């Protein structure tokens, strides 16, 4: 991407080594140009995106940009910023460019090996924290199936550190990332990370849990190709594809979870925005859970299902 000299209102593609700082290209002017560029290329939240990427390149907070509007960028900073603009214009997610995503007030490291944590999943964390005792008088065992970046289990462990957690994922790369995030936030001492599909990693231990949580793949296979490029082209398909109707993994969790729950233990999952009726039917067919409630996301869609195992 060529970014020519002003006055065409775009930052320079290259600066002379004899003049490593171009006073015409201040932080404010760079942000203005990038916002216009992203708008033209139909990038969501163009100004916010420009600020996040520039703050990342400069190694400062977004707030600091407003305190330094008149500061010019040097040639190295312009070159680095140009590269991240190119990546975002190709629709690579901002979180993969910066390597970080905030979730539940915590910064999580992310790579293309893991799904980017989303605000909708915070409803699952909130519901789990309502159930997990706040004190240490009753120590719970909690399992996170398909942990990905570890966003759910780390958020729980940070807020309820007196309990014990297990996180599993079929992807070894995801488990490595989740463990890294746990260590970064001082939660690694209470979380065990296991690699394997679904409940396989805990099957041989015979361990029972008070609560099982999961954000499983729930996108119907045929819908993957139609997802936004940021999702369909960059995020791991294994973390998205829920089979022909998007219900394969959800159905498996409902069927298998009772084998790993303590008496009257709980299971909660994130589900697709239009899957409430189908998930209810699966639960009723299984017959081993009572649905406590469905929780709606910020758009008003039923996004989280909370259920409790029926007593004997």
Protein backbone atom coordinates (compact mmCIF):
# COMPACT_ATOMS: atom_id res chain seq x y z
CA UNK A 1 0.00 0.00 0.00
CA UNK A 2 1.45 3.33 -1.03
CA UNK A 3 0.85 6.11 1.45
CA UNK A 4 2.01 9.22 -0.46
CA UNK A 5 3.14 12.61 0.75
CA UNK A 6 0.66 15.30 1.71
CA UNK A 7 -1.13 17.41 0.57
CA UNK A 8 -3.00 14.34 -0.84
CA UNK A 9 -3.97 13.70 2.81
CA UNK A 10 -2.09 10.45 3.37
CA UNK A 11 1.06 9.53 5.30
CA UNK A 12 4.36 9.11 3.42
CA UNK A 13 5.37 5.72 2.13
CA UNK A 14 8.98 6.36 3.02
CA UNK A 15 10.93 9.07 4.78
CA UNK A 16 14.48 10.13 4.08
CA UNK A 17 17.01 8.77 6.55
CA UNK A 18 18.35 12.29 6.74
CA UNK A 19 14.98 13.42 8.04
CA UNK A 20 13.59 10.53 10.13
CA UNK A 21 10.75 12.65 11.52
CA UNK A 22 8.23 14.33 9.23
CA UNK A 23 6.55 17.13 11.23
CA UNK A 24 3.56 17.07 8.89
CA UNK A 25 2.55 13.59 10.07
CA UNK A 26 1.43 14.08 13.64
CA UNK A 27 -0.61 11.58 15.63
CA UNK A 28 -3.75 13.61 14.94
CA UNK A 29 -3.17 13.75 11.18
CA UNK A 30 -2.36 10.05 11.03
CA UNK A 31 -5.57 9.20 12.91
CA UNK A 32 -7.63 11.42 10.62
CA UNK A 33 -6.17 9.85 7.49
CA UNK A 34 -6.59 6.29 8.80
CA UNK A 35 -10.18 6.90 9.87
CA UNK A 36 -11.00 8.07 6.34
CA UNK A 37 -9.14 5.12 4.83
CA UNK A 38 -10.94 2.57 7.01
CA UNK A 39 -14.30 4.21 6.31
CA UNK A 40 -13.67 3.90 2.58
CA UNK A 41 -12.77 0.24 3.05
CA UNK A 42 -15.88 -0.40 5.20
CA UNK A 43 -13.95 -1.31 8.33
CA UNK A 44 -16.12 -1.26 11.46
CA UNK A 45 -15.50 1.50 14.03
CA UNK A 46 -12.88 3.21 11.85
CA UNK A 47 -11.73 5.86 14.36
CA UNK A 48 -11.59 3.45 17.30
CA UNK A 49 -9.72 0.91 15.18
CA UNK A 50 -7.22 3.54 14.06
CA UNK A 51 -6.59 4.56 17.67
CA UNK A 52 -6.17 1.00 18.94
CA UNK A 53 -3.71 0.13 16.19
CA UNK A 54 -1.69 3.32 16.53
CA UNK A 55 -1.52 2.95 20.32
CA UNK A 56 -0.33 -0.62 19.79
CA UNK A 57 2.41 0.45 17.37
CA UNK A 58 3.58 3.27 19.64
CA UNK A 59 3.35 1.16 22.79
CA UNK A 60 1.10 3.63 24.59
CA UNK A 61 -2.46 3.75 25.92
CA UNK A 62 -5.23 5.12 23.70
CA UNK A 63 -5.62 8.00 26.16
CA UNK A 64 -2.00 8.94 25.57
CA UNK A 65 -2.74 9.61 21.91
CA UNK A 66 -5.03 12.47 22.91
CA UNK A 67 -2.29 13.94 25.04
CA UNK A 68 0.17 13.79 22.13
CA UNK A 69 -1.88 14.89 19.12
CA UNK A 70 0.90 17.21 17.92
CA UNK A 71 3.65 14.59 18.20
CA UNK A 72 5.06 13.59 14.79
CA UNK A 73 5.86 9.98 13.95
CA UNK A 74 9.31 8.90 12.85
CA UNK A 75 10.00 6.71 9.85
CA UNK A 76 10.06 3.47 11.81
CA UNK A 77 6.74 4.21 13.48
CA UNK A 78 5.14 5.13 10.16
CA UNK A 79 6.41 1.94 8.54
CA UNK A 80 5.13 -0.22 11.39
CA UNK A 81 1.77 1.52 11.36
CA UNK A 82 1.49 1.11 7.61
CA UNK A 83 1.86 -2.65 8.00
CA UNK A 84 -0.91 -2.97 10.57
CA UNK A 85 -3.18 -0.82 8.38
CA UNK A 86 -2.58 -3.28 5.54
CA UNK A 87 -3.44 -6.21 7.77
CA UNK A 88 -6.68 -4.64 8.99
CA UNK A 89 -7.64 -3.65 5.42
CA UNK A 90 -7.36 -7.37 4.58
CA UNK A 91 -9.95 -7.84 7.36
CA UNK A 92 -7.61 -9.48 9.84
CA UNK A 93 -9.17 -9.00 13.30
CA UNK A 94 -7.71 -6.25 15.46
CA UNK A 95 -7.20 -8.72 18.31
CA UNK A 96 -4.92 -10.90 16.18
CA UNK A 97 -2.95 -7.85 15.06
CA UNK A 98 -2.41 -6.55 18.60
CA UNK A 99 -2.26 -10.05 20.10
CA UNK A 100 -4.63 -9.01 22.88
CA UNK A 101 -8.35 -8.84 23.68
CA UNK A 102 -10.05 -7.56 26.82
CA UNK A 103 -12.66 -9.82 28.37
CA UNK A 104 -14.38 -9.42 31.73
CA UNK A 105 -11.99 -6.57 32.50
CA UNK A 106 -8.95 -8.81 31.91
CA UNK A 107 -6.47 -8.65 29.03
CA UNK A 108 -6.11 -12.00 27.26
CA UNK A 109 -3.37 -12.86 24.81
CA UNK A 110 -4.84 -14.30 21.60
CA UNK A 111 -3.49 -15.79 18.39
CA UNK A 112 -5.21 -17.39 15.38
CA UNK A 113 -5.02 -20.67 17.33
CA UNK A 114 -7.91 -19.54 19.52
CA UNK A 115 -11.31 -17.93 19.13
CA UNK A 116 -11.35 -14.25 20.04
CA UNK A 117 -13.32 -13.79 23.31
CA UNK A 118 -16.60 -11.97 22.74
CA UNK A 119 -18.84 -9.82 24.94
CA UNK A 120 -21.68 -12.36 24.63
CA UNK A 121 -19.61 -14.91 26.52
CA UNK A 122 -19.39 -12.57 29.51
CA UNK A 123 -23.00 -13.54 30.25
CA UNK A 124 -21.78 -17.10 30.78
CA UNK A 125 -19.09 -15.93 33.19
CA UNK A 126 -21.57 -13.75 35.07
CA UNK A 127 -24.01 -16.65 35.45
CA UNK A 128 -21.25 -18.97 36.65
CA UNK A 129 -20.04 -16.46 39.24
CA UNK A 130 -23.59 -16.25 40.59
CA UNK A 131 -23.49 -19.99 41.29
CA UNK A 132 -19.91 -20.52 42.49
CA UNK A 133 -19.69 -19.69 46.22
CA UNK A 134 -17.74 -16.53 46.95
CA UNK A 135 -16.09 -17.95 50.06
CA UNK A 136 -13.85 -20.94 50.64
CA UNK A 137 -16.23 -22.75 53.01
CA UNK A 138 -17.46 -24.92 50.13
CA UNK A 139 -14.78 -25.69 47.57
CA UNK A 140 -16.17 -26.35 44.12
CA UNK A 141 -14.68 -28.29 41.26
CA UNK A 142 -15.33 -26.55 37.93
CA UNK A 143 -14.63 -27.85 34.41
CA UNK A 144 -14.35 -25.68 31.29
CA UNK A 145 -14.73 -27.79 28.14
CA UNK A 146 -13.17 -26.28 25.01
CA UNK A 147 -11.36 -23.55 26.89
CA UNK A 148 -9.68 -21.86 23.90
CA UNK A 149 -7.84 -18.77 25.15
CA UNK A 150 -8.92 -19.60 28.71
CA UNK A 151 -11.12 -16.51 28.88
CA UNK A 152 -13.92 -18.23 30.79
CA UNK A 153 -11.92 -20.34 33.23
CA UNK A 154 -9.34 -17.63 33.97
CA UNK A 155 -12.08 -15.07 34.59
CA UNK A 156 -13.74 -17.48 37.01
CA UNK A 157 -10.51 -18.34 38.77
CA UNK A 158 -9.50 -14.69 39.16
CA UNK A 159 -12.87 -13.86 40.72
CA UNK A 160 -13.33 -17.09 42.70
CA UNK A 161 -9.77 -18.15 43.55
CA UNK A 162 -10.76 -20.44 46.46
CA UNK A 163 -12.01 -23.17 44.14
CA UNK A 164 -10.42 -25.73 41.82
CA UNK A 165 -10.64 -25.64 38.04
CA UNK A 166 -9.91 -27.93 35.10
CA UNK A 167 -9.78 -26.66 31.51
CA UNK A 168 -9.65 -28.90 28.45
CA UNK A 169 -9.32 -28.36 24.72
CA UNK A 170 -8.69 -30.58 21.73
CA UNK A 171 -6.07 -28.09 20.52
CA UNK A 172 -2.65 -28.27 22.18
CA UNK A 173 -1.91 -24.76 20.90
CA UNK A 174 -5.05 -23.47 22.60
CA UNK A 175 -4.10 -25.13 25.88
CA UNK A 176 -0.68 -23.49 25.69
CA UNK A 177 -2.31 -20.10 25.17
CA UNK A 178 -4.82 -20.64 27.98
CA UNK A 179 -2.07 -21.66 30.39
CA UNK A 180 -0.11 -18.57 29.42
CA UNK A 181 -3.10 -16.37 30.17
CA UNK A 182 -3.68 -18.09 33.50
CA UNK A 183 -0.07 -17.54 34.52
CA UNK A 184 -0.21 -13.89 33.44
CA UNK A 185 -3.07 -13.29 35.85
CA UNK A 186 -1.88 -15.43 38.73
CA UNK A 187 -4.53 -18.09 38.26
CA UNK A 188 -2.33 -20.99 37.16
CA UNK A 189 -2.10 -22.44 40.68
CA UNK A 190 -5.81 -23.30 40.75
CA UNK A 191 -6.31 -24.40 37.13
CA UNK A 192 -5.26 -27.71 35.58
CA UNK A 193 -4.99 -27.71 31.78
CA UNK A 194 -5.61 -30.90 29.82
CA UNK A 195 -5.48 -31.64 26.10
CA UNK A 196 -8.12 -33.84 24.52
CA UNK A 197 -11.55 -33.96 22.93
CA UNK A 198 -14.61 -33.10 25.00
CA UNK A 199 -14.59 -35.07 28.30
CA UNK A 200 -11.85 -37.53 27.28
CA UNK A 201 -9.10 -35.82 29.36
CA UNK A 202 -11.07 -36.29 32.61
CA UNK A 203 -12.69 -39.63 31.81
CA UNK A 204 -9.96 -41.80 33.32
CA UNK A 205 -9.58 -39.73 36.49
CA UNK A 206 -13.16 -40.32 37.57
CA UNK A 207 -13.32 -36.73 38.77
CA UNK A 208 -16.76 -35.23 39.35
CA UNK A 209 -17.59 -31.55 39.07
CA UNK A 210 -20.00 -29.16 40.69
CA UNK A 211 -20.22 -27.12 37.52
CA UNK A 212 -19.33 -27.63 33.87
CA UNK A 213 -19.13 -24.60 31.59
CA UNK A 214 -18.53 -24.42 27.86
CA UNK A 215 -18.63 -22.13 24.86
CA UNK A 216 -18.87 -24.89 22.26
CA UNK A 217 -18.83 -24.57 18.46
CA UNK A 218 -22.43 -23.87 17.43
CA UNK A 219 -22.34 -22.40 13.91
CA UNK A 220 -23.99 -24.68 11.31
CA UNK A 221 -21.33 -25.96 8.91
CA UNK A 222 -22.94 -24.46 5.83
CA UNK A 223 -22.97 -21.00 7.44
CA UNK A 224 -19.22 -20.83 7.99
CA UNK A 225 -18.50 -19.59 4.46
CA UNK A 226 -20.96 -16.75 4.88
CA UNK A 227 -19.47 -15.37 8.08
CA UNK A 228 -17.73 -12.00 8.12
CA UNK A 229 -14.17 -12.29 6.72
CA UNK A 230 -12.74 -11.44 10.16
CA UNK A 231 -14.34 -14.64 11.46
CA UNK A 232 -14.57 -17.02 8.52
CA UNK A 233 -11.12 -16.31 7.12
CA UNK A 234 -9.11 -15.96 10.32
CA UNK A 235 -10.63 -17.66 13.36
CA UNK A 236 -10.17 -21.42 13.87
CA UNK A 237 -12.99 -23.30 12.18
CA UNK A 238 -12.83 -26.09 14.75
CA UNK A 239 -13.95 -23.58 17.36
CA UNK A 240 -16.87 -22.43 15.17
CA UNK A 241 -18.27 -25.44 13.31
CA UNK A 242 -21.05 -27.16 15.24
CA UNK A 243 -22.01 -29.63 12.51
CA UNK A 244 -24.89 -29.59 10.01
CA UNK A 245 -27.33 -27.86 12.40
CA UNK A 246 -24.80 -26.33 14.76
CA UNK A 247 -25.91 -28.67 17.55
CA UNK A 248 -23.48 -31.61 17.42
CA UNK A 249 -21.19 -30.49 20.25
CA UNK A 250 -24.06 -29.06 22.30
CA UNK A 251 -25.91 -32.38 22.06
CA UNK A 252 -22.78 -34.29 23.08
CA UNK A 253 -22.25 -32.05 26.11
CA UNK A 254 -25.83 -32.56 27.27
CA UNK A 255 -25.53 -36.34 26.85
CA UNK A 256 -22.12 -36.77 28.47
CA UNK A 257 -22.02 -34.09 31.17
CA UNK A 258 -24.10 -36.06 33.72
CA UNK A 259 -21.35 -38.67 33.84
CA UNK A 260 -18.95 -36.04 35.15
CA UNK A 261 -21.22 -34.05 37.45
CA UNK A 262 -21.80 -34.43 41.15
CA UNK A 263 -25.38 -34.98 42.25
CA UNK A 264 -27.45 -31.97 41.19
CA UNK A 265 -24.39 -30.43 39.54
CA UNK A 266 -24.84 -27.71 36.94
CA UNK A 267 -24.11 -27.36 33.24
CA UNK A 268 -24.12 -24.04 31.41
CA UNK A 269 -23.31 -23.32 27.80
CA UNK A 270 -23.28 -20.52 25.30
CA UNK A 271 -25.58 -21.26 22.36
CA UNK A 272 -26.47 -19.75 19.01
CA UNK A 273 -28.81 -16.77 18.96
CA UNK A 274 -31.63 -18.84 17.41
CA UNK A 275 -31.05 -22.20 19.10
CA UNK A 276 -33.19 -21.91 22.25
CA UNK A 277 -36.00 -24.17 21.04
CA UNK A 278 -33.64 -26.78 19.58
CA UNK A 279 -31.51 -26.86 22.73
CA UNK A 280 -34.61 -27.13 24.92
CA UNK A 281 -35.72 -30.13 22.86
CA UNK A 282 -32.32 -31.80 23.30
CA UNK A 283 -32.45 -31.26 27.07
CA UNK A 284 -35.97 -32.65 27.31
CA UNK A 285 -35.05 -35.65 25.17
CA UNK A 286 -32.05 -36.37 27.38
CA UNK A 287 -34.20 -36.17 30.50
CA UNK A 288 -31.38 -35.74 33.00
CA UNK A 289 -31.47 -31.96 33.39
CA UNK A 290 -33.90 -29.30 34.47
CA UNK A 291 -33.54 -26.02 32.62
CA UNK A 292 -33.09 -23.24 35.16
CA UNK A 293 -33.09 -20.38 32.70
CA UNK A 294 -31.93 -18.92 29.43
CA UNK A 295 -29.93 -15.70 29.57
CA UNK A 296 -30.21 -13.07 26.86
CA UNK A 297 -27.25 -11.23 25.36
CA UNK A 298 -26.95 -7.49 24.76
CA UNK A 299 -28.98 -7.84 21.55
CA UNK A 300 -31.84 -9.60 23.30
CA UNK A 301 -31.05 -13.09 21.98
CA UNK A 302 -31.13 -16.17 24.23
CA UNK A 303 -27.38 -16.80 24.44
CA UNK A 304 -26.66 -18.87 27.56
CA UNK A 305 -28.51 -21.89 28.91
CA UNK A 306 -28.20 -22.80 32.60
CA UNK A 307 -29.34 -26.27 33.66
CA UNK A 308 -29.12 -28.46 36.74
CA UNK A 309 -28.88 -32.22 36.90
CA UNK A 310 -32.03 -33.85 38.26
CA UNK A 311 -31.69 -35.53 41.64
CA UNK A 312 -31.91 -39.28 41.98
